[in-house]
């Protein structure tokens, strides 16, 4: 025989169990994601610091010391007439500039 109260109670209990399991997986996933993001941020900072220490890049920082930009200087010999060509790539946060700019020592920017 069909018992509507029993069906309704089963649906409610089943929904509650499904919600609890989903919530537990969500919380664990959020924690794992936060841990991975923190580790990636730490590694990226190490890489940027290594580029700066190697003289390849110059970091720009905000008042709190957080890295907000990166200037990369690329250079190399081209010919006897122009023994060295240098370009500077200035990369900043998206809010600072729409796209990266390349500046040449002659003053022109691309």
PDB file of N, CA and C in Angstrom:
ATOM      1  N   UNK A   1       0.814  -1.159   0.000  1.00  0.00           N
ATOM      2  CA  UNK A   1       0.000   0.000   0.000  1.00  0.00           C
ATOM      3  C   UNK A   1       0.875   1.246   0.000  1.00  0.00           C
ATOM      4  N   UNK A   2       0.417   2.280  -0.652  1.00  0.00           N
ATOM      5  CA  UNK A   2       1.137   3.540  -0.808  1.00  0.00           C
ATOM      6  C   UNK A   2       0.987   4.394   0.450  1.00  0.00           C
ATOM      7  N   UNK A   3       2.106   4.774   1.041  1.00  0.00           N
ATOM      8  CA  UNK A   3       2.093   5.596   2.252  1.00  0.00           C
ATOM      9  C   UNK A   3       2.765   6.935   1.934  1.00  0.00           C
ATOM     10  N   UNK A   4       1.999   8.012   1.676  1.00  0.00           N
ATOM     11  CA  UNK A   4       2.583   9.297   1.288  1.00  0.00           C
ATOM     12  C   UNK A   4       3.478   9.899   2.382  1.00  0.00           C
ATOM     13  N   UNK A   5       3.143   9.691   3.642  1.00  0.00           N
ATOM     14  CA  UNK A   5       3.967  10.225   4.726  1.00  0.00           C
ATOM     15  C   UNK A   5       5.325   9.524   4.738  1.00  0.00           C
ATOM     16  N   UNK A   6       5.331   8.231   4.534  1.00  0.00           N
ATOM     17  CA  UNK A   6       6.583   7.461   4.492  1.00  0.00           C
ATOM     18  C   UNK A   6       7.447   7.877   3.316  1.00  0.00           C
ATOM     19  N   UNK A   7       6.817   8.099   2.144  1.00  0.00           N
ATOM     20  CA  UNK A   7       7.554   8.541   0.959  1.00  0.00           C
ATOM     21  C   UNK A   7       8.163   9.915   1.217  1.00  0.00           C
ATOM     22  N   UNK A   8       7.369  10.819   1.760  1.00  0.00           N
ATOM     23  CA  UNK A   8       7.857  12.169   2.047  1.00  0.00           C
ATOM     24  C   UNK A   8       9.008  12.129   3.062  1.00  0.00           C
ATOM     25  N   UNK A   9       8.880  11.298   4.094  1.00  0.00           N
ATOM     26  CA  UNK A   9       9.942  11.171   5.097  1.00  0.00           C
ATOM     27  C   UNK A   9      11.201  10.597   4.456  1.00  0.00           C
ATOM     28  N   UNK A  10      11.058   9.617   3.570  1.00  0.00           N
ATOM     29  CA  UNK A  10      12.212   9.026   2.880  1.00  0.00           C
ATOM     30  C   UNK A  10      12.913  10.035   1.985  1.00  0.00           C
ATOM     31  N   UNK A  11      12.128  10.846   1.269  1.00  0.00           N
ATOM     32  CA  UNK A  11      12.710  11.874   0.405  1.00  0.00           C
ATOM     33  C   UNK A  11      13.471  12.900   1.246  1.00  0.00           C
ATOM     34  N   UNK A  12      12.891  13.325   2.349  1.00  0.00           N
ATOM     35  CA  UNK A  12      13.542  14.312   3.208  1.00  0.00           C
ATOM     36  C   UNK A  12      14.826  13.767   3.827  1.00  0.00           C
ATOM     37  N   UNK A  13      14.775  12.540   4.338  1.00  0.00           N
ATOM     38  CA  UNK A  13      15.960  11.943   4.939  1.00  0.00           C
ATOM     39  C   UNK A  13      17.040  11.712   3.879  1.00  0.00           C
ATOM     40  N   UNK A  14      16.644  11.216   2.720  1.00  0.00           N
ATOM     41  CA  UNK A  14      17.604  10.999   1.628  1.00  0.00           C
ATOM     42  C   UNK A  14      18.224  12.312   1.164  1.00  0.00           C
ATOM     43  N   UNK A  15      17.410  13.357   1.066  1.00  0.00           N
ATOM     44  CA  UNK A  15      17.940  14.666   0.678  1.00  0.00           C
ATOM     45  C   UNK A  15      18.913  15.213   1.702  1.00  0.00           C
ATOM     46  N   UNK A  16      18.610  15.015   2.966  1.00  0.00           N
ATOM     47  CA  UNK A  16      19.486  15.486   4.039  1.00  0.00           C
ATOM     48  C   UNK A  16      20.830  14.752   4.000  1.00  0.00           C
ATOM     49  N   UNK A  17      20.779  13.441   3.775  1.00  0.00           N
ATOM     50  CA  UNK A  17      22.023  12.659   3.677  1.00  0.00           C
ATOM     51  C   UNK A  17      22.841  13.110   2.464  1.00  0.00           C
ATOM     52  N   UNK A  18      22.183  13.284   1.328  1.00  0.00           N
ATOM     53  CA  UNK A  18      22.883  13.741   0.117  1.00  0.00           C
ATOM     54  C   UNK A  18      23.509  15.115   0.341  1.00  0.00           C
ATOM     55  N   UNK A  19      22.790  16.027   1.000  1.00  0.00           N
ATOM     56  CA  UNK A  19      23.314  17.358   1.274  1.00  0.00           C
ATOM     57  C   UNK A  19      24.543  17.279   2.176  1.00  0.00           C
ATOM     58  N   UNK A  20      24.496  16.447   3.217  1.00  0.00           N
ATOM     59  CA  UNK A  20      25.607  16.332   4.159  1.00  0.00           C
ATOM     60  C   UNK A  20      26.865  15.783   3.472  1.00  0.00           C
ATOM     61  N   UNK A  21      26.700  14.771   2.627  1.00  0.00           N
ATOM     62  CA  UNK A  21      27.848  14.201   1.916  1.00  0.00           C
ATOM     63  C   UNK A  21      28.427  15.226   0.945  1.00  0.00           C
ATOM     64  N   UNK A  22      27.570  15.915   0.203  1.00  0.00           N
ATOM     65  CA  UNK A  22      28.026  16.925  -0.746  1.00  0.00           C
ATOM     66  C   UNK A  22      28.749  18.057  -0.026  1.00  0.00           C
ATOM     67  N   UNK A  23      28.215  18.518   1.077  1.00  0.00           N
ATOM     68  CA  UNK A  23      28.823  19.592   1.841  1.00  0.00           C
ATOM     69  C   UNK A  23      30.206  19.188   2.351  1.00  0.00           C
ATOM     70  N   UNK A  24      30.342  17.939   2.810  1.00  0.00           N
ATOM     71  CA  UNK A  24      31.633  17.457   3.309  1.00  0.00           C
ATOM     72  C   UNK A  24      32.675  17.447   2.187  1.00  0.00           C
ATOM     73  N   UNK A  25      32.313  16.954   1.002  1.00  0.00           N
ATOM     74  CA  UNK A  25      33.234  16.948  -0.130  1.00  0.00           C
ATOM     75  C   UNK A  25      33.572  18.370  -0.565  1.00  0.00           C
ATOM     76  N   UNK A  26      32.609  19.268  -0.547  1.00  0.00           N
ATOM     77  CA  UNK A  26      32.840  20.662  -0.910  1.00  0.00           C
ATOM     78  C   UNK A  26      33.853  21.291   0.043  1.00  0.00           C
ATOM     79  N   UNK A  27      33.675  21.092   1.332  1.00  0.00           N
ATOM     80  CA  UNK A  27      34.590  21.664   2.324  1.00  0.00           C
ATOM     81  C   UNK A  27      36.009  21.127   2.151  1.00  0.00           C
ATOM     82  N   UNK A  28      36.114  19.821   1.923  1.00  0.00           N
ATOM     83  CA  UNK A  28      37.432  19.227   1.738  1.00  0.00           C
ATOM     84  C   UNK A  28      38.076  19.753   0.453  1.00  0.00           C
ATOM     85  N   UNK A  29      37.304  19.856  -0.621  1.00  0.00           N
ATOM     86  CA  UNK A  29      37.814  20.388  -1.885  1.00  0.00           C
ATOM     87  C   UNK A  29      38.254  21.836  -1.761  1.00  0.00           C
ATOM     88  N   UNK A  30      37.486  22.640  -1.041  1.00  0.00           N
ATOM     89  CA  UNK A  30      37.842  24.044  -0.839  1.00  0.00           C
ATOM     90  C   UNK A  30      39.141  24.165  -0.051  1.00  0.00           C
ATOM     91  N   UNK A  31      39.306  23.340   0.957  1.00  0.00           N
ATOM     92  CA  UNK A  31      40.535  23.360   1.758  1.00  0.00           C
ATOM     93  C   UNK A  31      41.725  22.938   0.904  1.00  0.00           C
ATOM     94  N   UNK A  32      41.570  21.879   0.107  1.00  0.00           N
ATOM     95  CA  UNK A  32      42.651  21.420  -0.760  1.00  0.00           C
ATOM     96  C   UNK A  32      43.020  22.497  -1.779  1.00  0.00           C
ATOM     97  N   UNK A  33      42.022  23.139  -2.355  1.00  0.00           N
ATOM     98  CA  UNK A  33      42.268  24.194  -3.334  1.00  0.00           C
ATOM     99  C   UNK A  33      43.023  25.358  -2.696  1.00  0.00           C
ATOM    100  N   UNK A  34      42.650  25.733  -1.499  1.00  0.00           N
ATOM    101  CA  UNK A  34      43.329  26.822  -0.786  1.00  0.00           C
ATOM    102  C   UNK A  34      44.795  26.457  -0.528  1.00  0.00           C
ATOM    103  N   UNK A  35      45.047  25.211  -0.138  1.00  0.00           N
ATOM    104  CA  UNK A  35      46.422  24.765   0.117  1.00  0.00           C
ATOM    105  C   UNK A  35      47.260  24.786  -1.163  1.00  0.00           C
ATOM    106  N   UNK A  36      46.692  24.303  -2.259  1.00  0.00           N
ATOM    107  CA  UNK A  36      47.412  24.278  -3.533  1.00  0.00           C
ATOM    108  C   UNK A  36      47.679  25.707  -4.014  1.00  0.00           C
ATOM    109  N   UNK A  37      46.704  26.594  -3.896  1.00  0.00           N
ATOM    110  CA  UNK A  37      46.889  27.984  -4.316  1.00  0.00           C
ATOM    111  C   UNK A  37      47.987  28.657  -3.496  1.00  0.00           C
ATOM    112  N   UNK A  38      48.042  28.406  -2.213  1.00  0.00           N
ATOM    113  CA  UNK A  38      49.086  28.987  -1.367  1.00  0.00           C
ATOM    114  C   UNK A  38      50.459  28.473  -1.778  1.00  0.00           C
ATOM    115  N   UNK A  39      50.565  27.188  -2.062  1.00  0.00           N
ATOM    116  CA  UNK A  39      51.835  26.609  -2.492  1.00  0.00           C
ATOM    117  C   UNK A  39      52.271  27.171  -3.840  1.00  0.00           C
ATOM    118  N   UNK A  40      51.347  27.297  -4.787  1.00  0.00           N
ATOM    119  CA  UNK A  40      51.673  27.866  -6.096  1.00  0.00           C
ATOM    120  C   UNK A  40      52.108  29.325  -5.961  1.00  0.00           C
ATOM    121  N   UNK A  41      51.462  30.065  -5.101  1.00  0.00           N
ATOM    122  CA  UNK A  41      51.844  31.462  -4.872  1.00  0.00           C
ATOM    123  C   UNK A  41      53.255  31.537  -4.293  1.00  0.00           C
ATOM    124  N   UNK A  42      53.563  30.666  -3.362  1.00  0.00           N
ATOM    125  CA  UNK A  42      54.902  30.638  -2.773  1.00  0.00           C
ATOM    126  C   UNK A  42      55.957  30.299  -3.821  1.00  0.00           C
ATOM    127  N   UNK A  43      55.676  29.299  -4.658  1.00  0.00           N
ATOM    128  CA  UNK A  43      56.625  28.903  -5.694  1.00  0.00           C
ATOM    129  C   UNK A  43      56.801  30.005  -6.739  1.00  0.00           C
ATOM    130  N   UNK A  44      55.709  30.682  -7.117  1.00  0.00           N
ATOM    131  CA  UNK A  44      55.808  31.766  -8.090  1.00  0.00           C
ATOM    132  C   UNK A  44      56.657  32.901  -7.536  1.00  0.00           C
ATOM    133  N   UNK A  45      56.494  33.204  -6.244  1.00  0.00           N
ATOM    134  CA  UNK A  45      57.309  34.243  -5.622  1.00  0.00           C
ATOM    135  C   UNK A  45      58.784  33.846  -5.645  1.00  0.00           C
ATOM    136  N   UNK A  46      59.079  32.577  -5.376  1.00  0.00           N
ATOM    137  CA  UNK A  46      60.465  32.105  -5.437  1.00  0.00           C
ATOM    138  C   UNK A  46      61.048  32.254  -6.837  1.00  0.00           C
ATOM    139  N   UNK A  47      60.259  31.907  -7.848  1.00  0.00           N
ATOM    140  CA  UNK A  47      60.722  32.024  -9.236  1.00  0.00           C
ATOM    141  C   UNK A  47      60.976  33.488  -9.587  1.00  0.00           C
ATOM    142  N   UNK A  48      60.048  34.372  -9.220  1.00  0.00           N
ATOM    143  CA  UNK A  48      60.222  35.793  -9.508  1.00  0.00           C
ATOM    144  C   UNK A  48      61.438  36.355  -8.783  1.00  0.00           C
ATOM    145  N   UNK A  49      61.635  35.961  -7.533  1.00  0.00           N
ATOM    146  CA  UNK A  49      62.815  36.423  -6.784  1.00  0.00           C
ATOM    147  C   UNK A  49      64.105  35.921  -7.439  1.00  0.00           C
ATOM    148  N   UNK A  50      64.098  34.682  -7.939  1.00  0.00           N
ATOM    149  CA  UNK A  50      65.270  34.134  -8.612  1.00  0.00           C
ATOM    150  C   UNK A  50      65.563  34.910  -9.896  1.00  0.00           C
ATOM    151  N   UNK A  51      64.522  35.275 -10.645  1.00  0.00           N
ATOM    152  CA  UNK A  51      64.716  36.087 -11.850  1.00  0.00           C
ATOM    153  C   UNK A  51      65.322  37.438 -11.497  1.00  0.00           C
ATOM    154  N   UNK A  52      64.865  38.022 -10.394  1.00  0.00           N
ATOM    155  CA  UNK A  52      65.399  39.313  -9.971  1.00  0.00           C
ATOM    156  C   UNK A  52      66.855  39.172  -9.514  1.00  0.00           C
ATOM    157  N   UNK A  53      67.151  38.138  -8.732  1.00  0.00           N
ATOM    158  CA  UNK A  53      68.518  37.923  -8.256  1.00  0.00           C
ATOM    159  C   UNK A  53      69.473  37.654  -9.412  1.00  0.00           C
ATOM    160  N   UNK A  54      68.991  37.008 -10.468  1.00  0.00           N
ATOM    161  CA  UNK A  54      69.822  36.709 -11.635  1.00  0.00           C
ATOM    162  C   UNK A  54      69.995  37.891 -12.568  1.00  0.00           C
ATOM    163  N   UNK A  55      69.339  39.000 -12.262  1.00  0.00           N
ATOM    164  CA  UNK A  55      69.468  40.184 -13.104  1.00  0.00           C
ATOM    165  C   UNK A  55      68.627  40.134 -14.364  1.00  0.00           C
ATOM    166  N   UNK A  56      67.712  39.198 -14.444  1.00  0.00           N
ATOM    167  CA  UNK A  56      66.865  39.049 -15.628  1.00  0.00           C
ATOM    168  C   UNK A  56      65.638  39.937 -15.539  1.00  0.00           C
ATOM    169  N   UNK A  57      65.157  40.188 -14.342  1.00  0.00           N
ATOM    170  CA  UNK A  57      63.910  40.931 -14.159  1.00  0.00           C
ATOM    171  C   UNK A  57      64.041  41.885 -12.980  1.00  0.00           C
ATOM    172  N   UNK A  58      63.176  42.898 -13.005  1.00  0.00           N
ATOM    173  CA  UNK A  58      63.043  43.814 -11.882  1.00  0.00           C
ATOM    174  C   UNK A  58      61.597  43.745 -11.423  1.00  0.00           C
ATOM    175  N   UNK A  59      61.384  43.524 -10.138  1.00  0.00           N
ATOM    176  CA  UNK A  59      60.035  43.408  -9.600  1.00  0.00           C
ATOM    177  C   UNK A  59      59.549  44.764  -9.123  1.00  0.00           C
ATOM    178  N   UNK A  60      58.269  45.041  -9.346  1.00  0.00           N
ATOM    179  CA  UNK A  60      57.657  46.219  -8.762  1.00  0.00           C
ATOM    180  C   UNK A  60      56.720  45.741  -7.669  1.00  0.00           C
ATOM    181  N   UNK A  61      56.721  46.473  -6.547  1.00  0.00           N
ATOM    182  CA  UNK A  61      55.964  46.044  -5.380  1.00  0.00           C
ATOM    183  C   UNK A  61      55.085  47.176  -4.879  1.00  0.00           C
ATOM    184  N   UNK A  62      54.001  46.817  -4.211  1.00  0.00           N
ATOM    185  CA  UNK A  62      53.140  47.833  -3.605  1.00  0.00           C
ATOM    186  C   UNK A  62      53.703  48.208  -2.233  1.00  0.00           C
ATOM    187  N   UNK A  63      52.986  49.052  -1.504  1.00  0.00           N
ATOM    188  CA  UNK A  63      53.460  49.551  -0.211  1.00  0.00           C
ATOM    189  C   UNK A  63      53.652  48.435   0.816  1.00  0.00           C
ATOM    190  N   UNK A  64      52.930  47.325   0.665  1.00  0.00           N
ATOM    191  CA  UNK A  64      53.047  46.215   1.620  1.00  0.00           C
ATOM    192  C   UNK A  64      54.132  45.221   1.230  1.00  0.00           C
ATOM    193  N   UNK A  65      54.780  45.420   0.084  1.00  0.00           N
ATOM    194  CA  UNK A  65      55.829  44.512  -0.368  1.00  0.00           C
ATOM    195  C   UNK A  65      55.339  43.406  -1.278  1.00  0.00           C
ATOM    196  N   UNK A  66      54.033  43.394  -1.584  1.00  0.00           N
ATOM    197  CA  UNK A  66      53.477  42.380  -2.481  1.00  0.00           C
ATOM    198  C   UNK A  66      53.884  42.690  -3.916  1.00  0.00           C
ATOM    199  N   UNK A  67      54.305  41.692  -4.658  1.00  0.00           N
ATOM    200  CA  UNK A  67      54.738  41.873  -6.039  1.00  0.00           C
ATOM    201  C   UNK A  67      53.516  42.171  -6.902  1.00  0.00           C
ATOM    202  N   UNK A  68      53.566  43.304  -7.620  1.00  0.00           N
ATOM    203  CA  UNK A  68      52.436  43.694  -8.463  1.00  0.00           C
ATOM    204  C   UNK A  68      52.842  43.868  -9.923  1.00  0.00           C
ATOM    205  N   UNK A  69      54.114  43.794 -10.232  1.00  0.00           N
ATOM    206  CA  UNK A  69      54.564  43.963 -11.614  1.00  0.00           C
ATOM    207  C   UNK A  69      55.930  43.351 -11.821  1.00  0.00           C
ATOM    208  N   UNK A  70      56.298  43.241 -13.077  1.00  0.00           N
ATOM    209  CA  UNK A  70      57.543  42.585 -13.448  1.00  0.00           C
ATOM    210  C   UNK A  70      58.082  43.282 -14.679  1.00  0.00           C
ATOM    211  N   UNK A  71      59.339  43.690 -14.653  1.00  0.00           N
ATOM    212  CA  UNK A  71      59.997  44.281 -15.818  1.00  0.00           C
ATOM    213  C   UNK A  71      61.106  43.324 -16.212  1.00  0.00           C
ATOM    214  N   UNK A  72      61.030  42.826 -17.443  1.00  0.00           N
ATOM    215  CA  UNK A  72      62.022  41.881 -17.948  1.00  0.00           C
ATOM    216  C   UNK A  72      62.859  42.591 -18.994  1.00  0.00           C
ATOM    217  N   UNK A  73      64.178  42.548 -18.842  1.00  0.00           N
ATOM    218  CA  UNK A  73      65.064  43.164 -19.816  1.00  0.00           C
ATOM    219  C   UNK A  73      65.719  42.055 -20.613  1.00  0.00           C
ATOM    220  N   UNK A  74      65.492  42.105 -21.913  1.00  0.00           N
ATOM    221  CA  UNK A  74      66.050  41.110 -22.821  1.00  0.00           C
ATOM    222  C   UNK A  74      67.093  41.794 -23.692  1.00  0.00           C
ATOM    223  N   UNK A  75      68.185  41.142 -23.971  1.00  0.00           N
ATOM    224  CA  UNK A  75      69.209  41.749 -24.818  1.00  0.00           C
ATOM    225  C   UNK A  75      70.049  40.688 -25.486  1.00  0.00           C
ATOM    226  N   UNK A  76      70.783  41.115 -26.514  1.00  0.00           N
ATOM    227  CA  UNK A  76      71.670  40.202 -27.205  1.00  0.00           C
ATOM    228  C   UNK A  76      72.343  40.916 -28.355  1.00  0.00           C
ATOM    229  N   UNK A  77      73.435  40.389 -28.829  1.00  0.00           N
ATOM    230  CA  UNK A  77      74.147  40.984 -29.951  1.00  0.00           C
ATOM    231  C   UNK A  77      73.434  40.699 -31.264  1.00  0.00           C
ATOM    232  N   UNK A  78      73.500  41.684 -32.199  1.00  0.00           N
ATOM    233  CA  UNK A  78      72.835  41.493 -33.483  1.00  0.00           C
ATOM    234  C   UNK A  78      73.792  41.561 -34.653  1.00  0.00           C
ATOM    235  N   UNK A  79      74.713  42.519 -34.668  1.00  0.00           N
ATOM    236  CA  UNK A  79      75.680  42.641 -35.757  1.00  0.00           C
ATOM    237  C   UNK A  79      76.811  43.552 -35.311  1.00  0.00           C
ATOM    238  N   UNK A  80      77.810  43.720 -36.187  1.00  0.00           N
ATOM    239  CA  UNK A  80      78.935  44.595 -35.853  1.00  0.00           C
ATOM    240  C   UNK A  80      78.479  46.054 -35.760  1.00  0.00           C
ATOM    241  N   UNK A  81      77.514  46.448 -36.590  1.00  0.00           N
ATOM    242  CA  UNK A  81      77.029  47.834 -36.586  1.00  0.00           C
ATOM    243  C   UNK A  81      76.204  48.123 -35.338  1.00  0.00           C
ATOM    244  N   UNK A  82      75.482  47.143 -34.869  1.00  0.00           N
ATOM    245  CA  UNK A  82      74.660  47.269 -33.663  1.00  0.00           C
ATOM    246  C   UNK A  82      75.043  46.128 -32.728  1.00  0.00           C
ATOM    247  N   UNK A  83      76.101  46.317 -31.953  1.00  0.00           N
ATOM    248  CA  UNK A  83      76.602  45.201 -31.147  1.00  0.00           C
ATOM    249  C   UNK A  83      75.661  44.712 -30.064  1.00  0.00           C
ATOM    250  N   UNK A  84      74.708  45.551 -29.674  1.00  0.00           N
ATOM    251  CA  UNK A  84      73.790  45.108 -28.621  1.00  0.00           C
ATOM    252  C   UNK A  84      72.428  45.722 -28.853  1.00  0.00           C
ATOM    253  N   UNK A  85      71.409  44.890 -28.813  1.00  0.00           N
ATOM    254  CA  UNK A  85      70.029  45.365 -28.917  1.00  0.00           C
ATOM    255  C   UNK A  85      69.332  45.007 -27.614  1.00  0.00           C
ATOM    256  N   UNK A  86      68.622  45.951 -27.043  1.00  0.00           N
ATOM    257  CA  UNK A  86      67.970  45.719 -25.760  1.00  0.00           C
ATOM    258  C   UNK A  86      66.517  46.139 -25.841  1.00  0.00           C
ATOM    259  N   UNK A  87      65.645  45.334 -25.270  1.00  0.00           N
ATOM    260  CA  UNK A  87      64.233  45.677 -25.141  1.00  0.00           C
ATOM    261  C   UNK A  87      63.823  45.435 -23.704  1.00  0.00           C
ATOM    262  N   UNK A  88      62.828  46.179 -23.260  1.00  0.00           N
ATOM    263  CA  UNK A  88      62.329  46.013 -21.894  1.00  0.00           C
ATOM    264  C   UNK A  88      60.855  45.667 -21.977  1.00  0.00           C
ATOM    265  N   UNK A  89      60.463  44.569 -21.373  1.00  0.00           N
ATOM    266  CA  UNK A  89      59.069  44.148 -21.319  1.00  0.00           C
ATOM    267  C   UNK A  89      58.541  44.487 -19.935  1.00  0.00           C
ATOM    268  N   UNK A  90      57.523  45.336 -19.886  1.00  0.00           N
ATOM    269  CA  UNK A  90      56.954  45.792 -18.620  1.00  0.00           C
ATOM    270  C   UNK A  90      55.588  45.138 -18.443  1.00  0.00           C
ATOM    271  N   UNK A  91      55.467  44.226 -17.482  1.00  0.00           N
ATOM    272  CA  UNK A  91      54.221  43.495 -17.249  1.00  0.00           C
ATOM    273  C   UNK A  91      53.663  43.950 -15.910  1.00  0.00           C
ATOM    274  N   UNK A  92      52.420  44.411 -15.910  1.00  0.00           N
ATOM    275  CA  UNK A  92      51.785  44.873 -14.682  1.00  0.00           C
ATOM    276  C   UNK A  92      50.444  44.187 -14.506  1.00  0.00           C
ATOM    277  N   UNK A  93      49.788  44.469 -13.372  1.00  0.00           N
ATOM    278  CA  UNK A  93      48.453  43.933 -13.140  1.00  0.00           C
ATOM    279  C   UNK A  93      47.520  44.416 -14.237  1.00  0.00           C
ATOM    280  N   UNK A  94      46.459  43.653 -14.478  1.00  0.00           N
ATOM    281  CA  UNK A  94      45.496  44.000 -15.521  1.00  0.00           C
ATOM    282  C   UNK A  94      44.888  45.369 -15.282  1.00  0.00           C
ATOM    283  N   UNK A  95      44.740  45.792 -14.045  1.00  0.00           N
ATOM    284  CA  UNK A  95      44.137  47.087 -13.757  1.00  0.00           C
ATOM    285  C   UNK A  95      45.089  48.235 -14.080  1.00  0.00           C
ATOM    286  N   UNK A  96      46.419  47.967 -14.158  1.00  0.00           N
ATOM    287  CA  UNK A  96      47.385  49.013 -14.452  1.00  0.00           C
ATOM    288  C   UNK A  96      47.519  49.292 -15.942  1.00  0.00           C
ATOM    289  N   UNK A  97      47.406  48.257 -16.752  1.00  0.00           N
ATOM    290  CA  UNK A  97      47.623  48.416 -18.187  1.00  0.00           C
ATOM    291  C   UNK A  97      46.830  47.344 -18.922  1.00  0.00           C
ATOM    292  N   UNK A  98      46.306  47.699 -20.076  1.00  0.00           N
ATOM    293  CA  UNK A  98      45.505  46.745 -20.843  1.00  0.00           C
ATOM    294  C   UNK A  98      46.371  45.624 -21.398  1.00  0.00           C
ATOM    295  N   UNK A  99      47.623  45.926 -21.790  1.00  0.00           N
ATOM    296  CA  UNK A  99      48.496  44.895 -22.329  1.00  0.00           C
ATOM    297  C   UNK A  99      49.942  45.257 -22.020  1.00  0.00           C
ATOM    298  N   UNK A 100      50.848  44.279 -22.078  1.00  0.00           N
ATOM    299  CA  UNK A 100      52.251  44.562 -21.813  1.00  0.00           C
ATOM    300  C   UNK A 100      52.817  45.514 -22.862  1.00  0.00           C
ATOM    301  N   UNK A 101      53.784  46.311 -22.483  1.00  0.00           N
ATOM    302  CA  UNK A 101      54.437  47.203 -23.441  1.00  0.00           C
ATOM    303  C   UNK A 101      55.886  46.802 -23.565  1.00  0.00           C
ATOM    304  N   UNK A 102      56.428  46.966 -24.766  1.00  0.00           N
ATOM    305  CA  UNK A 102      57.827  46.716 -25.019  1.00  0.00           C
ATOM    306  C   UNK A 102      58.465  48.059 -25.327  1.00  0.00           C
ATOM    307  N   UNK A 103      59.478  48.435 -24.547  1.00  0.00           N
ATOM    308  CA  UNK A 103      60.155  49.707 -24.746  1.00  0.00           C
ATOM    309  C   UNK A 103      61.564  49.430 -25.250  1.00  0.00           C
ATOM    310  N   UNK A 104      61.966  50.186 -26.253  1.00  0.00           N
ATOM    311  CA  UNK A 104      63.305  50.058 -26.797  1.00  0.00           C
ATOM    312  C   UNK A 104      64.135  51.228 -26.287  1.00  0.00           C
ATOM    313  N   UNK A 105      65.428  51.044 -26.126  1.00  0.00           N
ATOM    314  CA  UNK A 105      66.246  52.108 -25.577  1.00  0.00           C
ATOM    315  C   UNK A 105      66.135  53.431 -26.350  1.00  0.00           C
ATOM    316  N   UNK A 106      65.768  53.373 -27.622  1.00  0.00           N
ATOM    317  CA  UNK A 106      65.606  54.589 -28.409  1.00  0.00           C
ATOM    318  C   UNK A 106      64.398  55.392 -27.981  1.00  0.00           C
ATOM    319  N   UNK A 107      63.526  54.820 -27.145  1.00  0.00           N
ATOM    320  CA  UNK A 107      62.384  55.548 -26.620  1.00  0.00           C
ATOM    321  C   UNK A 107      61.051  55.115 -27.172  1.00  0.00           C
ATOM    322  N   UNK A 108      61.014  54.444 -28.312  1.00  0.00           N
ATOM    323  CA  UNK A 108      59.732  54.040 -28.906  1.00  0.00           C
ATOM    324  C   UNK A 108      59.166  52.845 -28.155  1.00  0.00           C
ATOM    325  N   UNK A 109      57.866  52.827 -28.022  1.00  0.00           N
ATOM    326  CA  UNK A 109      57.179  51.706 -27.361  1.00  0.00           C
ATOM    327  C   UNK A 109      56.287  51.023 -28.363  1.00  0.00           C
ATOM    328  N   UNK A 110      56.157  49.735 -28.251  1.00  0.00           N
ATOM    329  CA  UNK A 110      55.269  48.970 -29.149  1.00  0.00           C
ATOM    330  C   UNK A 110      53.968  48.697 -28.468  1.00  0.00           C
TER     331      UNK A 110
END
